[in-house]
Protein backbone atom coordinates (compact mmCIF):
# COMPACT_ATOMS: atom_id res chain seq x y z
CA MET A 1 13.72 -171.54 48.13
CA PHE A 2 17.02 -173.05 49.26
CA SER A 3 15.51 -176.52 49.76
CA THR A 4 13.97 -176.41 46.26
CA LEU A 5 17.30 -175.37 44.77
CA LEU A 6 19.08 -178.16 46.65
CA LEU A 7 16.55 -180.78 45.52
CA THR A 8 16.74 -179.77 41.86
CA SER A 9 20.53 -179.70 42.09
CA ILE A 10 20.58 -183.26 43.39
CA VAL A 11 18.21 -184.50 40.67
CA VAL A 12 20.16 -182.77 37.90
CA PHE A 13 23.42 -184.11 39.32
CA MET A 14 22.01 -187.64 39.15
CA ILE A 15 20.88 -187.08 35.53
CA LEU A 16 24.30 -185.73 34.55
CA CYS A 17 26.02 -188.66 36.26
CA PHE A 18 23.81 -191.02 34.24
CA VAL A 19 24.70 -189.21 30.98
CA PHE A 20 28.44 -189.15 31.78
CA TYR A 21 28.36 -192.83 32.69
CA CYS A 22 26.76 -193.67 29.33
CA ALA A 23 29.14 -191.35 27.45
CA ILE A 24 32.21 -193.01 29.01
CA PHE A 25 31.23 -196.64 29.51
CA ARG A 26 28.33 -196.96 27.03
CA THR A 27 29.55 -194.72 24.24
CA GLN A 28 27.58 -196.51 21.55
CA ASP A 29 24.34 -196.05 23.48
CA ALA A 30 24.95 -192.30 23.88
CA GLN A 31 25.81 -191.95 20.17
CA PHE A 32 22.81 -194.01 19.12
CA ALA A 33 20.43 -191.88 21.23
CA LEU A 34 21.96 -188.62 19.97
CA PHE A 35 21.92 -189.60 16.30
CA ASN A 36 18.31 -190.74 16.60
CA LEU A 37 17.35 -187.09 17.17
CA PHE A 38 18.58 -186.28 13.68
CA ARG A 39 16.78 -189.20 12.05
CA HIS A 40 13.44 -187.50 12.73
CA LYS A 41 14.46 -183.90 12.22
CA ARG A 42 11.03 -182.35 11.91
CA ARG A 43 9.68 -183.91 15.11
CA SER A 44 12.87 -183.22 17.07
CA LEU A 45 13.00 -179.63 15.82
CA SER A 46 9.38 -178.91 16.74
CA THR A 47 9.92 -180.36 20.23
CA ILE A 48 13.14 -178.40 20.78
CA ILE A 49 11.47 -175.18 19.56
CA ALA A 50 8.64 -175.72 22.05
CA ILE A 51 11.16 -176.23 24.84
CA ILE A 52 13.12 -173.12 23.83
CA LEU A 53 9.98 -170.97 23.68
CA GLY A 54 9.06 -172.07 27.18
CA GLY A 55 12.60 -171.62 28.47
CA VAL A 56 12.94 -168.14 26.95
CA SER A 57 9.58 -167.13 28.44
CA ILE A 58 10.74 -168.24 31.89
CA PHE A 59 14.10 -166.47 31.47
CA LEU A 60 12.66 -163.14 30.29
CA TYR A 61 9.79 -163.02 32.76
CA GLY A 62 12.04 -164.19 35.58
CA GLY A 63 14.57 -161.46 34.70
CA PHE A 64 11.78 -158.89 34.67
CA ILE A 65 10.53 -160.10 38.06
CA ASP A 66 14.07 -160.01 39.51
CA TYR A 67 14.51 -156.43 38.33
CA SER A 68 11.11 -155.45 39.70
CA PHE A 69 12.05 -156.91 43.10
CA TRP A 70 15.43 -155.16 42.99
CA ILE A 71 14.10 -151.71 42.06
CA LEU A 72 11.28 -151.98 44.61
CA LYS A 73 13.80 -153.00 47.27
CA GLU A 74 16.09 -150.07 46.41
CA GLN A 75 13.15 -147.64 46.42
CA THR A 76 12.16 -148.95 49.84
CA VAL A 77 15.64 -149.01 51.36
CA ARG A 78 16.65 -145.60 50.01
CA THR A 79 13.61 -143.66 51.12
CA ASN A 80 15.10 -143.18 54.60
CA ILE A 81 14.41 -146.76 55.72
CA GLY A 82 17.82 -148.38 55.23
CA HIS A 83 18.54 -152.08 55.57
CA ILE A 84 18.34 -152.17 59.37
CA GLN A 85 16.59 -149.97 61.92
CA LEU A 86 17.05 -149.79 65.69
CA TYR A 87 14.14 -148.76 67.91
CA ASP A 88 13.46 -148.38 71.59
CA LYS A 89 11.69 -151.52 72.83
CA SER A 90 8.49 -149.60 73.57
CA TYR A 91 8.30 -147.96 70.12
CA PHE A 92 5.69 -150.31 68.63
CA GLU A 93 3.71 -150.59 71.88
CA THR A 94 2.60 -146.96 72.12
CA SER A 95 0.92 -144.47 69.81
CA ASN A 96 2.94 -141.58 71.30
CA LYS A 97 6.23 -142.08 69.46
CA SER A 98 7.79 -139.01 71.10
CA LYS A 99 7.91 -141.01 74.35
CA SER A 100 9.90 -143.85 72.75
CA ILE A 101 13.18 -142.05 72.22
CA ILE A 102 16.64 -143.63 71.95
CA GLU A 103 18.72 -141.54 74.34
CA ASN A 104 22.44 -140.84 73.97
CA TYR A 105 22.38 -141.36 70.21
CA SER A 106 25.88 -139.97 69.68
CA THR A 107 27.35 -142.51 72.11
CA LEU A 108 25.46 -145.39 70.47
CA LYS A 109 26.61 -144.33 67.01
CA SER A 110 30.22 -144.13 68.17
CA ASP A 111 30.04 -147.60 69.76
CA LEU A 112 28.59 -149.12 66.57
CA LEU A 113 31.25 -147.57 64.36
CA ASN A 114 34.04 -148.61 66.74
CA ASP A 115 32.93 -152.25 66.78
CA SER A 116 35.23 -154.01 64.30
CA GLU A 117 32.70 -156.73 63.37
CA LEU A 118 29.91 -154.25 62.62
CA SER A 119 31.70 -151.21 61.18
CA GLN A 120 33.21 -153.09 58.21
CA ASP A 121 29.69 -153.87 56.94
CA ILE A 122 28.16 -150.42 57.50
CA SER A 123 27.96 -147.95 54.61
CA THR A 124 25.94 -145.24 56.39
CA ILE A 125 24.45 -144.83 59.82
CA SER A 126 22.04 -142.08 60.72
CA GLY A 127 19.74 -141.11 63.56
CA GLN A 128 16.25 -139.94 62.65
CA LEU A 129 13.69 -138.12 64.75
CA GLU A 130 10.03 -138.42 63.78
CA PHE A 131 7.31 -136.04 64.91
CA THR A 132 4.13 -134.37 63.72
CA GLY A 133 2.56 -130.97 64.03
CA ILE A 134 1.00 -128.00 62.24
CA VAL A 135 2.83 -125.92 59.63
CA SER A 136 1.62 -122.52 58.42
CA GLN A 137 2.52 -120.23 55.54
CA TYR A 138 1.12 -116.88 56.66
CA GLU A 139 1.79 -115.03 53.41
CA SER A 140 -0.62 -117.33 51.57
CA GLU A 141 -2.75 -117.85 54.72
CA THR A 142 -2.55 -121.64 54.54
CA SER A 143 -1.92 -124.28 57.19
CA SER A 144 -1.61 -128.05 57.11
CA TYR A 145 -0.80 -131.12 59.16
CA PHE A 146 2.74 -132.42 58.60
CA ALA A 147 4.90 -135.45 59.43
CA ALA A 148 8.51 -134.40 59.89
CA LEU A 149 11.71 -136.38 59.76
CA GLY A 150 14.87 -135.03 61.32
CA VAL A 151 17.85 -136.46 59.42
CA GLU A 152 21.60 -136.01 59.24
CA PRO A 153 22.07 -134.05 55.97
CA LEU A 154 25.15 -135.91 54.72
CA ALA A 155 23.78 -139.39 55.47
CA SER A 156 20.42 -138.49 53.91
CA LEU A 157 22.10 -138.13 50.50
CA LYS A 158 22.47 -141.93 50.50
CA LEU A 159 19.44 -142.91 52.53
CA GLY A 160 17.13 -140.61 50.57
CA SER A 161 18.76 -140.99 47.18
CA PHE A 162 15.48 -142.02 45.51
CA ASP A 163 13.83 -138.75 46.54
CA LYS A 164 13.74 -136.57 43.43
CA LEU A 165 14.54 -132.90 44.06
CA ILE A 166 12.25 -130.80 41.85
CA SER A 167 13.13 -127.36 43.23
CA GLY A 168 15.91 -125.82 45.30
CA SER A 169 18.57 -128.03 46.90
CA ASP A 170 19.09 -130.69 49.57
CA LEU A 171 19.47 -130.00 53.28
CA SER A 172 22.54 -128.04 54.32
CA ARG A 173 25.06 -129.19 56.93
CA ILE A 174 25.63 -125.53 57.89
CA LYS A 175 22.26 -123.77 57.65
CA HIS A 176 20.11 -125.55 60.23
CA ASN A 177 17.05 -123.31 59.87
CA GLU A 178 16.10 -124.60 56.41
CA VAL A 179 13.90 -127.57 55.46
CA THR A 180 12.75 -129.46 52.37
CA LEU A 181 9.08 -130.17 51.66
CA GLY A 182 7.22 -132.97 49.93
CA SER A 183 5.72 -131.78 46.66
CA GLY A 184 2.14 -132.36 47.83
CA LEU A 185 2.64 -130.41 51.07
CA ALA A 186 4.35 -127.56 49.17
CA LYS A 187 1.35 -127.35 46.85
CA THR A 188 -1.07 -127.33 49.80
CA LEU A 189 0.84 -124.50 51.49
CA ASN A 190 1.51 -122.71 48.20
CA ALA A 191 5.14 -122.62 49.38
CA ASN A 192 8.14 -122.12 47.12
CA TYR A 193 11.90 -121.91 47.46
CA SER A 194 13.06 -119.32 50.07
CA ASP A 195 9.57 -118.94 51.62
CA TRP A 196 9.29 -119.01 55.41
CA LEU A 197 7.11 -121.42 57.36
CA ASP A 198 6.01 -121.48 61.01
CA VAL A 199 6.03 -124.90 62.66
CA LEU A 200 4.15 -125.77 65.85
CA VAL A 201 4.62 -129.10 67.67
CA VAL A 202 4.09 -130.82 71.01
CA ASN A 203 7.59 -131.75 72.20
CA THR A 204 8.79 -134.80 74.12
CA GLN A 205 8.26 -133.01 77.45
CA GLY A 206 4.59 -132.34 76.66
CA GLY A 207 5.10 -128.64 76.03
CA GLN A 208 4.84 -126.64 72.85
CA GLY A 209 7.67 -126.05 70.43
CA ALA A 210 7.59 -123.47 67.67
CA LEU A 211 10.10 -122.40 65.06
CA SER A 212 10.29 -120.40 61.84
CA LEU A 213 12.04 -122.30 59.04
CA GLY A 214 12.96 -121.46 55.47
CA VAL A 215 12.13 -123.64 52.48
CA ARG A 216 15.38 -124.87 50.97
CA GLY A 217 13.94 -127.35 48.48
CA ILE A 218 10.94 -129.36 47.33
CA PHE A 219 11.25 -133.09 46.71
CA GLU A 220 9.14 -135.92 45.33
CA SER A 221 9.50 -139.49 46.59
CA GLY A 222 6.96 -140.94 44.17
CA ILE A 223 4.68 -141.97 47.06
CA LYS A 224 1.77 -139.51 47.04
CA ASP A 225 0.59 -140.07 50.61
CA TYR A 226 4.10 -139.39 51.91
CA ASP A 227 4.71 -136.34 49.70
CA ASP A 228 1.44 -134.78 50.87
CA VAL A 229 2.66 -134.42 54.49
CA ALA A 230 6.46 -134.76 54.46
CA ILE A 231 8.98 -132.30 55.84
CA LYS A 232 12.69 -133.13 56.15
CA MET A 233 14.93 -131.03 58.37
CA PRO A 234 18.43 -131.32 59.91
CA LEU A 235 18.48 -133.64 62.92
CA GLN A 236 19.93 -130.89 65.09
CA THR A 237 16.95 -128.63 64.31
CA ALA A 238 14.46 -131.43 64.96
CA GLN A 239 16.07 -132.17 68.34
CA ARG A 240 15.94 -128.49 69.27
CA ILE A 241 12.25 -128.08 68.46
CA MET A 242 11.37 -131.38 70.21
CA ASP A 243 13.57 -130.57 73.22
CA THR A 244 15.57 -133.81 73.16
CA ASP A 245 19.04 -135.06 72.29
CA GLY A 246 17.73 -138.49 71.29
CA VAL A 247 16.32 -140.00 68.12
CA SER A 248 13.25 -142.05 67.21
CA LYS A 249 15.30 -144.66 65.37
CA VAL A 250 18.78 -145.42 64.09
CA VAL A 251 18.94 -146.31 60.39
CA ILE A 252 21.77 -148.42 59.01
CA LEU A 253 22.59 -148.80 55.31
CA LEU A 254 24.87 -151.77 54.58
CA ASN A 255 27.63 -152.14 52.04
CA ASP A 256 26.85 -154.00 48.81
CA GLY A 257 27.08 -157.77 49.16
CA VAL A 258 26.69 -157.87 52.94
CA ASP A 259 24.43 -160.69 54.14
CA LEU A 260 21.59 -159.02 56.04
CA ASP A 261 20.85 -162.03 58.28
CA ILE A 262 24.49 -162.42 59.34
CA PHE A 263 24.80 -158.70 60.10
CA ARG A 264 21.55 -158.76 62.07
CA ALA A 265 22.81 -161.67 64.16
CA LYS A 266 26.00 -159.74 64.99
CA LEU A 267 23.96 -156.64 65.82
CA ASP A 268 21.66 -158.63 68.13
CA LYS A 269 24.74 -159.95 69.92
CA PHE A 270 26.12 -156.41 70.24
CA ILE A 271 22.83 -155.21 71.81
CA ALA A 272 22.66 -158.21 74.16
CA ASP A 273 26.28 -157.83 75.30
CA LYS A 274 25.77 -154.15 76.13
CA GLN A 275 22.28 -154.79 77.57
CA LEU A 276 20.72 -152.01 75.50
CA PRO A 277 16.91 -151.50 75.54
CA LEU A 278 16.75 -151.71 71.75
CA MET A 279 15.04 -153.86 69.15
CA VAL A 280 16.11 -154.59 65.56
CA LYS A 281 13.88 -154.45 62.48
CA SER A 282 14.86 -155.20 58.88
CA TRP A 283 13.62 -153.22 55.88
CA LYS A 284 11.48 -156.14 54.75
CA GLU A 285 9.63 -156.35 58.07
CA LEU A 286 8.81 -152.64 57.81
CA SER A 287 7.65 -152.75 54.20
CA ILE A 288 4.26 -154.48 54.02
CA PHE A 289 3.77 -153.24 50.45
CA TYR A 290 6.98 -154.97 49.30
CA GLN A 291 5.90 -158.24 50.92
CA GLN A 292 2.51 -158.08 49.18
CA VAL A 293 4.03 -157.34 45.76
CA GLU A 294 6.67 -160.04 46.21
CA GLY A 295 4.02 -162.61 47.12
CA LEU A 296 1.85 -161.66 44.13
CA LEU A 297 4.62 -161.67 41.52
CA SER A 298 6.22 -164.83 42.94
CA GLY A 299 2.86 -166.61 42.67
CA ILE A 300 2.45 -165.50 39.04
CA TYR A 301 6.00 -166.61 38.23
CA PHE A 302 5.43 -170.03 39.80
CA PHE A 303 2.21 -170.42 37.80
CA ILE A 304 4.03 -169.57 34.54
CA LYS A 305 6.81 -172.08 35.33
CA ALA A 306 4.20 -174.76 36.06
CA ILE A 307 2.35 -174.08 32.78
CA VAL A 308 5.59 -174.15 30.76
CA ALA A 309 6.67 -177.37 32.49
CA LEU A 310 3.36 -179.07 31.67
CA ILE A 311 3.53 -177.93 28.03
CA VAL A 312 7.08 -179.28 27.70
CA ILE A 313 6.14 -182.57 29.36
CA PHE A 314 3.16 -183.13 27.06
CA MET A 315 5.12 -182.10 23.94
CA ILE A 316 8.01 -184.45 24.68
CA SER A 317 5.77 -187.27 25.85
CA ASN A 318 3.65 -187.01 22.71
CA SER A 319 6.72 -186.79 20.48
CA MET A 320 8.35 -189.84 22.03
CA THR A 321 5.11 -191.82 22.00
CA MET A 322 4.80 -191.17 18.27
CA ASN A 323 8.45 -192.09 18.01
CA ILE A 324 7.73 -195.47 19.55
CA VAL A 325 4.88 -196.15 17.11
CA GLU A 326 7.05 -195.30 14.10
CA ARG A 327 10.05 -197.21 15.42
CA THR A 328 8.28 -200.35 16.59
CA ARG A 329 10.11 -202.48 14.04
CA GLU A 330 13.43 -200.98 15.10
CA ILE A 331 12.71 -201.50 18.78
CA THR A 332 11.56 -205.11 18.41
CA THR A 333 14.55 -205.84 16.17
CA LEU A 334 16.85 -204.55 18.90
CA ARG A 335 15.01 -206.77 21.35
CA ALA A 336 15.31 -209.73 18.99
CA ILE A 337 19.10 -209.41 18.76
CA GLY A 338 19.43 -209.56 22.53
CA LEU A 339 18.91 -206.07 24.00
CA ARG A 340 17.23 -206.21 27.37
CA PRO A 341 14.12 -204.06 28.17
CA ARG A 342 16.26 -202.05 30.59
CA HIS A 343 18.64 -201.23 27.74
CA ILE A 344 15.79 -199.98 25.53
CA THR A 345 14.52 -197.82 28.42
CA LYS A 346 17.98 -196.31 28.81
CA LEU A 347 18.17 -195.39 25.09
CA PHE A 348 14.86 -193.53 25.18
CA LEU A 349 15.74 -191.78 28.44
CA LEU A 350 18.98 -190.58 26.86
CA GLU A 351 17.05 -189.21 23.90
CA GLY A 352 14.75 -187.25 26.21
CA ILE A 353 17.68 -185.90 28.22
CA PHE A 354 19.53 -184.82 25.06
CA ILE A 355 16.43 -183.02 23.77
CA GLY A 356 16.09 -181.24 27.11
CA ALA A 357 19.78 -180.28 27.19
CA ILE A 358 19.66 -178.84 23.67
CA GLY A 359 16.49 -176.94 24.57
CA ALA A 360 18.08 -175.62 27.80
CA ILE A 361 21.20 -174.35 26.02
CA GLY A 362 19.07 -172.79 23.29
CA SER A 363 16.81 -171.16 25.89
CA LEU A 364 19.75 -169.49 27.63
CA ALA A 365 21.43 -168.38 24.39
CA ILE A 366 18.29 -166.87 22.88
CA GLY A 367 17.14 -165.51 26.26
CA PHE A 368 20.39 -163.59 26.77
CA ALA A 369 20.23 -162.25 23.19
CA ILE A 370 16.61 -161.00 23.52
CA ALA A 371 17.30 -159.57 26.99
CA GLY A 372 20.29 -157.68 25.59
CA VAL A 373 18.11 -156.10 22.89
CA ILE A 374 15.38 -155.17 25.40
CA ASN A 375 17.91 -153.67 27.80
CA LEU A 376 19.16 -151.24 25.17
CA ASN A 377 16.10 -149.05 25.81
CA GLY A 378 14.28 -150.75 28.68
CA ILE A 379 10.54 -151.12 29.17
CA ALA A 380 8.50 -148.06 30.15
CA MET A 381 6.37 -149.01 33.16
CA PRO A 382 3.42 -147.12 34.70
CA PRO A 383 3.56 -146.04 38.36
CA SER A 384 3.20 -148.81 40.93
CA PRO A 385 0.08 -148.74 43.16
CA GLY A 386 0.28 -145.78 45.55
CA GLN A 387 3.08 -144.08 43.60
CA THR A 388 3.12 -141.15 41.20
CA GLN A 389 6.24 -141.88 39.14
CA GLY A 390 6.67 -144.53 36.49
CA TYR A 391 10.00 -146.19 35.86
CA THR A 392 11.99 -147.94 33.17
CA ALA A 393 12.26 -151.68 33.71
CA PHE A 394 15.03 -153.95 32.45
CA ILE A 395 15.68 -157.67 32.28
CA LYS A 396 18.06 -158.71 35.05
CA THR A 397 20.31 -161.48 33.74
CA ASP A 398 22.92 -161.78 36.51
CA SER A 399 20.86 -163.96 38.84
CA PHE A 400 22.29 -167.45 39.36
CA ASP A 401 18.86 -168.76 40.41
CA LEU A 402 17.30 -167.51 37.16
CA ILE A 403 20.02 -169.03 34.96
CA TRP A 404 19.84 -172.26 36.94
CA ILE A 405 16.06 -172.67 36.68
CA THR A 406 16.14 -171.84 32.94
CA PHE A 407 18.77 -174.54 32.42
CA VAL A 408 17.36 -177.13 34.80
CA LEU A 409 13.63 -176.98 34.03
CA PRO A 410 13.87 -178.22 30.39
CA ILE A 411 16.18 -181.07 31.42
CA LEU A 412 14.01 -182.13 34.34
CA THR A 413 10.75 -181.94 32.40
CA SER A 414 12.16 -183.74 29.35
CA SER A 415 13.60 -186.48 31.58
CA LEU A 416 10.29 -186.83 33.38
CA ALA A 417 8.33 -186.88 30.13
CA SER A 418 10.59 -189.63 28.73
CA ILE A 419 10.01 -192.11 31.53
CA ILE A 420 6.58 -193.47 30.53
CA PRO A 421 7.34 -193.70 26.76
CA ALA A 422 10.70 -195.32 27.56
CA VAL A 423 9.10 -197.96 29.79
CA ARG A 424 6.37 -198.52 27.19
CA ALA A 425 8.99 -199.05 24.47
CA SER A 426 10.83 -201.60 26.58
CA LYS A 427 7.66 -203.64 27.03
CA LEU A 428 6.83 -204.03 23.33
CA ASN A 429 6.31 -207.65 22.25
CA ILE A 430 8.83 -208.91 19.70
CA ALA A 431 6.01 -210.41 17.64
CA ASP A 432 4.65 -206.90 17.02
CA ALA A 433 7.47 -206.30 14.60
CA PHE A 434 5.69 -208.45 12.02
CA LYS A 435 2.79 -205.98 11.92
CA PHE A 436 5.14 -203.33 10.50
CA VAL A 437 6.93 -205.44 7.89
């Protein structure tokens, strides 16, 4: 992406340098090319409208895609995944996750927060303990498999902020014998607020752990498979039932604007310096679904940009080719009074660039206006695959890349489309002028 942006920037810079050179040192040429657009108003207007339609389509769909990526990222990061996760090195090599525990979590957390280079970028840090077992609600005579997550209650307000509480309240920092259930699991157990559940697990030592816990709340993450088995409980309670003082992973949520790659490099250095048996994973590595959606939508967006670019190229090329036919007498007259073929080529290139620039400015202006109207109410979207909740989408207009591509694409395509007609115009034979007298 960066290399593409750099290449287009270089090409556009060269085009702008060419325009500025003509405007300063060849003022008459620039004026002549600009005024020629107004001599054939209908053709110029139709071409500019086609460019604007394409540019607005790219801007609106690109803004929609950017928002889709952003909301999917936030949903992923804030469902107890965070931006960065630390694991024991053996975590992904064994199916028994209770044997891959990060010991001395409190000491590790303190060291991370006391490191000046890391702490300034960290918004929230939380240990989490994962385990599974059987949960029973004896009053309704129901039992079910569950997947539990022991979390720090205060940190979970940020890390689980996309979990929607539909009954009761969030985990308490004081009452450690209360849990929250996923909506699907609560329905399976026929459990409601203030009911008591019995939990049975195999702890990290290989023995059995059992505990009676009260239902403090019922939540819905929007991911059905997760809600059907999920239990969240205070980390202290999870450690007690699993007979450990460690955690399965350490989750880090970064401050807004922090570069993830730079922070990860500093964290890797921290782990290497202290020789810790830990490995680092980013949220994107852990979210296969996000990667699949990003690849799909990016491919569609590229296809749309390619189609729009081809349409613009053919429109401008056709318009300028017709322009040459109608202006053959003018072109050959200019040649007859001493203008070189290179000079004629330059005039037609300037016309194409001016058409593209007008179309680019119009695309941005109209695109921002339409996006503003759409964003007043948003776009109601159905649930994503695997989710149960729809969402309201908006057009994201604060992306530099989106603004840049909307501005650059019309200029690049119009410049490209002008090359062949411009060269063809410069090669017209002076004697052809007599055919149009």
